[in-house]
Amino acid sequence: MSENGDMANFIQTHGYLALIIISILESACVPIPSEVTFGLAGALCTTAITGHAVFSLPVVVIIGALTSVIGSQIAYEIARRAGRPFVERFGKWILISHRDLDAAERWFEKRGSISVLISRVLPLLRSIISVPAGIAKMPRGRFVLLTLVGSTAWVWILAYLGETAGKNWDHVSKNFHKAQNPMIAVLVLLVLVFVVVRLRATRRHS
C-alpha cells in the first residue's frame, strides 16, 4: 500500500481516500479488520500521533457508515445473483470458510432482518452477513437501511475509542521515544495475526 506496505502509513499518507478504499474492501468481505482501520482513524483525529489532526471524527463516522453500505451492497449483490455455490467456490480467496457461511446463514434464518442490524456490530459477522442476506434475497431497501444504522454505530464506537486513546497517547506511549512506531508495530502485528488465523480456518473448513 505504501513504501513500507503497512496500513497505518497508507491511511496517514492518503487520508480520507485511504479510509474510503479500505472500508469498502472490508465491507465487501475482504479480510481487513475494521477494528484496526477505524481505531487508527479515531486516534488520528487527535494531534498526539502526527502533531496535527489528520481526520475529523464526524467525517470519519459519515465516511465509514456510507462506505460500509457500499461494500456490503457489493457482497450482497454478488451473493444475490450468483448464490451460495459461487461463494463456496471463491470464498477461500476472501478467507470465508464453509463453516463461516453456515454460521452466518443460521444466524440470518433464526433472527431474520434483525440479524443484519446486530451483525454490523459483531467482528467477522458484520461483513459475512451480507452473503446470506443476498442469497435469501432480502429486500434491498431494508438491507441498506439496517446496514447503515448498524455500521454507523460500529464505526462511531471504534473511532471514539481510538480518539480517546489518542488523547491519552502520551501516557499510553510513555515508554517509547516515538508514539507512532509502537502503534504501527501493533497494527501490523494485529493484521498479520488476523490473516493467519483466517487462512488456517478457511483451509481447515473448506
Protein backbone atom coordinates (compact mmCIF):
# COMPACT_ATOMS: atom_id res chain seq x y z
CA MET A 1 0.00 0.00 0.00
CA SER A 2 2.86 2.38 0.81
CA GLU A 3 6.61 2.21 0.70
CA ASN A 4 6.61 0.22 3.93
CA GLY A 5 3.50 -1.68 2.91
CA ASP A 6 1.56 -1.13 6.12
CA MET A 7 -1.96 0.12 6.63
CA ALA A 8 -1.02 2.82 9.12
CA ASN A 9 1.27 4.62 6.68
CA PHE A 10 -1.28 4.20 3.89
CA ILE A 11 -4.00 5.87 5.96
CA GLN A 12 -1.72 8.66 7.17
CA THR A 13 -0.42 9.33 3.67
CA HIS A 14 -3.66 9.22 1.71
CA GLY A 15 -6.11 10.35 4.38
CA TYR A 16 -9.81 10.07 3.65
CA LEU A 17 -9.22 8.37 0.28
CA ALA A 18 -7.40 5.52 2.04
CA LEU A 19 -10.21 5.27 4.57
CA ILE A 20 -12.79 5.03 1.79
CA ILE A 21 -10.89 2.32 -0.10
CA ILE A 22 -10.15 0.19 2.96
CA SER A 23 -13.68 0.44 4.34
CA ILE A 24 -15.30 -0.56 1.05
CA LEU A 25 -12.98 -3.56 0.69
CA GLU A 26 -13.52 -4.67 4.29
CA SER A 27 -17.30 -4.42 3.97
CA ALA A 28 -17.16 -6.37 0.71
CA CYS A 29 -15.69 -9.31 2.69
CA VAL A 30 -12.01 -8.63 2.02
CA PRO A 31 -10.27 -9.71 5.27
CA ILE A 32 -9.27 -6.33 6.69
CA PRO A 33 -10.15 -5.84 10.38
CA SER A 34 -12.29 -2.71 10.73
CA GLU A 35 -11.25 -2.52 14.38
CA VAL A 36 -7.77 -1.55 13.24
CA THR A 37 -8.90 0.80 10.47
CA PHE A 38 -11.33 2.91 12.43
CA GLY A 39 -9.47 2.66 15.71
CA LEU A 40 -6.49 4.23 13.97
CA ALA A 41 -8.70 6.77 12.20
CA GLY A 42 -10.09 7.83 15.56
CA ALA A 43 -6.62 8.23 17.01
CA LEU A 44 -5.67 10.35 14.01
CA CYS A 45 -8.49 12.73 14.91
CA THR A 46 -6.14 13.96 17.65
CA THR A 47 -2.76 15.69 17.44
CA ALA A 48 -0.93 13.11 19.56
CA ILE A 49 0.46 10.90 16.78
CA THR A 50 1.38 13.21 13.91
CA GLY A 51 1.36 16.61 15.60
CA HIS A 52 -1.85 17.59 13.82
CA ALA A 53 -5.34 16.15 13.39
CA VAL A 54 -5.44 14.12 10.19
CA PHE A 55 -9.18 13.41 10.42
CA SER A 56 -12.37 14.83 11.89
CA LEU A 57 -14.38 12.37 13.99
CA PRO A 58 -17.82 13.24 12.46
CA VAL A 59 -16.38 12.93 8.94
CA VAL A 60 -14.77 9.58 9.80
CA VAL A 61 -18.13 8.26 11.06
CA ILE A 62 -20.01 9.51 7.99
CA ILE A 63 -17.44 8.09 5.57
CA GLY A 64 -17.27 4.80 7.47
CA ALA A 65 -21.04 4.37 7.51
CA LEU A 66 -21.54 5.19 3.83
CA THR A 67 -18.62 3.11 2.57
CA SER A 68 -19.77 0.20 4.72
CA VAL A 69 -23.08 0.33 2.87
CA ILE A 70 -21.29 0.42 -0.49
CA GLY A 71 -19.01 -2.52 0.31
CA SER A 72 -21.81 -4.54 1.87
CA GLN A 73 -24.00 -3.91 -1.16
CA ILE A 74 -21.30 -5.31 -3.43
CA ALA A 75 -21.17 -8.55 -1.41
CA TYR A 76 -24.97 -8.64 -1.23
CA GLU A 77 -25.43 -8.26 -4.98
CA ILE A 78 -22.83 -10.93 -5.80
CA ALA A 79 -24.49 -13.37 -3.40
CA ARG A 80 -27.97 -12.48 -4.64
CA ARG A 81 -27.08 -13.04 -8.29
CA ALA A 82 -24.61 -15.92 -8.05
CA GLY A 83 -25.92 -17.79 -5.00
CA ARG A 84 -24.13 -19.97 -2.48
CA PRO A 85 -22.25 -22.19 -4.99
CA PHE A 86 -20.30 -19.17 -6.22
CA VAL A 87 -19.47 -18.08 -2.67
CA GLU A 88 -18.40 -21.61 -1.71
CA ARG A 89 -16.14 -21.81 -4.73
CA PHE A 90 -14.43 -18.46 -4.35
CA GLY A 91 -14.86 -17.81 -0.63
CA LYS A 92 -11.36 -19.04 0.14
CA TRP A 93 -9.93 -16.05 -1.70
CA ILE A 94 -11.58 -13.70 0.79
CA LEU A 95 -10.97 -16.07 3.74
CA ILE A 96 -14.57 -17.25 4.15
CA SER A 97 -14.87 -20.92 5.01
CA HIS A 98 -17.91 -23.20 4.70
CA ARG A 99 -18.32 -23.03 8.47
CA ASP A 100 -18.36 -19.22 8.40
CA LEU A 101 -21.06 -19.21 5.77
CA ASP A 102 -23.10 -21.87 7.58
CA ALA A 103 -22.95 -19.86 10.82
CA ALA A 104 -23.97 -16.66 9.08
CA GLU A 105 -26.90 -18.36 7.35
CA ARG A 106 -28.12 -19.97 10.58
CA TRP A 107 -27.89 -16.60 12.32
CA PHE A 108 -29.85 -14.97 9.49
CA GLU A 109 -32.54 -17.66 9.36
CA LYS A 110 -33.19 -17.59 13.11
CA ARG A 111 -33.28 -13.85 13.57
CA GLY A 112 -34.42 -12.52 10.23
CA SER A 113 -33.85 -8.87 9.43
CA ILE A 114 -32.55 -8.04 12.89
CA SER A 115 -29.57 -10.25 12.03
CA VAL A 116 -28.23 -7.62 9.66
CA LEU A 117 -28.53 -4.86 12.25
CA ILE A 118 -26.96 -6.85 15.09
CA SER A 119 -24.24 -8.39 12.93
CA ARG A 120 -22.96 -4.94 11.92
CA VAL A 121 -21.52 -4.55 15.41
CA LEU A 122 -20.03 -8.05 15.61
CA PRO A 123 -16.49 -8.77 14.32
CA LEU A 124 -16.34 -11.06 11.27
CA LEU A 125 -20.12 -11.48 11.03
CA ARG A 126 -20.50 -7.78 10.17
CA SER A 127 -19.13 -8.43 6.69
CA ILE A 128 -20.21 -12.01 6.09
CA ILE A 129 -23.88 -11.36 6.92
CA SER A 130 -24.22 -9.62 3.54
CA VAL A 131 -23.83 -13.01 1.86
CA PRO A 132 -26.79 -14.88 3.41
CA ALA A 133 -28.84 -11.68 3.11
CA GLY A 134 -28.13 -11.67 -0.62
CA ILE A 135 -28.74 -15.40 -1.05
CA ALA A 136 -32.07 -15.03 0.79
CA LYS A 137 -32.86 -12.03 -1.45
CA MET A 138 -33.66 -9.75 1.45
CA PRO A 139 -35.33 -6.55 0.16
CA ARG A 140 -32.57 -4.13 -0.86
CA GLY A 141 -34.09 -1.11 0.83
CA ARG A 142 -34.33 -2.88 4.17
CA PHE A 143 -30.82 -4.29 3.81
CA VAL A 144 -29.33 -0.86 3.09
CA LEU A 145 -31.20 0.84 5.95
CA LEU A 146 -30.22 -1.76 8.56
CA THR A 147 -26.65 -1.80 7.30
CA LEU A 148 -26.44 1.98 7.54
CA VAL A 149 -27.78 2.09 11.09
CA GLY A 150 -25.62 -0.76 12.38
CA SER A 151 -22.48 0.39 10.60
CA THR A 152 -22.86 3.94 11.87
CA ALA A 153 -22.94 2.67 15.45
CA TRP A 154 -19.97 0.35 14.88
CA VAL A 155 -17.78 2.97 13.22
CA TRP A 156 -18.61 5.57 15.85
CA ILE A 157 -17.70 3.21 18.69
CA LEU A 158 -14.35 2.27 17.14
CA ALA A 159 -13.46 5.82 16.13
CA TYR A 160 -14.46 7.22 19.53
CA LEU A 161 -12.34 4.65 21.34
CA GLY A 162 -9.44 5.44 19.02
CA GLU A 163 -9.84 9.16 19.62
CA THR A 164 -9.91 8.60 23.38
CA ALA A 165 -6.73 6.55 23.18
CA GLY A 166 -5.15 9.24 21.02
CA LYS A 167 -5.91 11.96 23.55
CA ASN A 168 -4.12 9.90 26.19
CA TRP A 169 -1.39 8.76 23.86
CA ASP A 170 1.41 10.42 25.83
CA HIS A 171 0.50 8.30 28.81
CA VAL A 172 0.00 5.15 26.74
CA SER A 173 3.33 5.53 24.97
CA LYS A 174 5.44 6.95 27.80
CA ASN A 175 7.95 4.11 27.47
CA PHE A 176 8.56 4.81 23.81
CA HIS A 177 10.57 7.59 22.21
CA LYS A 178 8.18 7.92 19.29
CA ALA A 179 4.49 7.30 19.67
CA GLN A 180 4.00 6.38 16.02
CA ASN A 181 6.37 3.42 15.97
CA PRO A 182 4.67 1.25 18.61
CA MET A 183 1.25 1.90 17.09
CA ILE A 184 2.41 0.88 13.64
CA ALA A 185 4.07 -2.25 15.04
CA VAL A 186 0.92 -3.27 16.91
CA LEU A 187 -1.30 -2.61 13.89
CA VAL A 188 0.90 -4.64 11.57
CA LEU A 189 1.00 -7.50 14.10
CA LEU A 190 -2.78 -7.46 14.52
CA VAL A 191 -3.35 -7.58 10.76
CA LEU A 192 -0.86 -10.43 10.33
CA VAL A 193 -2.39 -12.45 13.17
CA PHE A 194 -5.89 -11.88 11.79
CA VAL A 195 -4.94 -13.01 8.28
CA VAL A 196 -3.05 -16.07 9.52
CA VAL A 197 -5.94 -17.17 11.74
CA ARG A 198 -8.45 -16.69 8.94
CA LEU A 199 -6.26 -18.56 6.45
CA ARG A 200 -5.96 -21.54 8.78
CA ALA A 201 -9.70 -21.56 9.48
CA THR A 202 -10.55 -21.32 5.79
CA ARG A 203 -8.22 -24.15 4.82
CA ARG A 204 -9.40 -26.33 7.67
CA HIS A 205 -13.10 -25.96 6.90
CA SER A 206 -13.05 -25.55 3.12
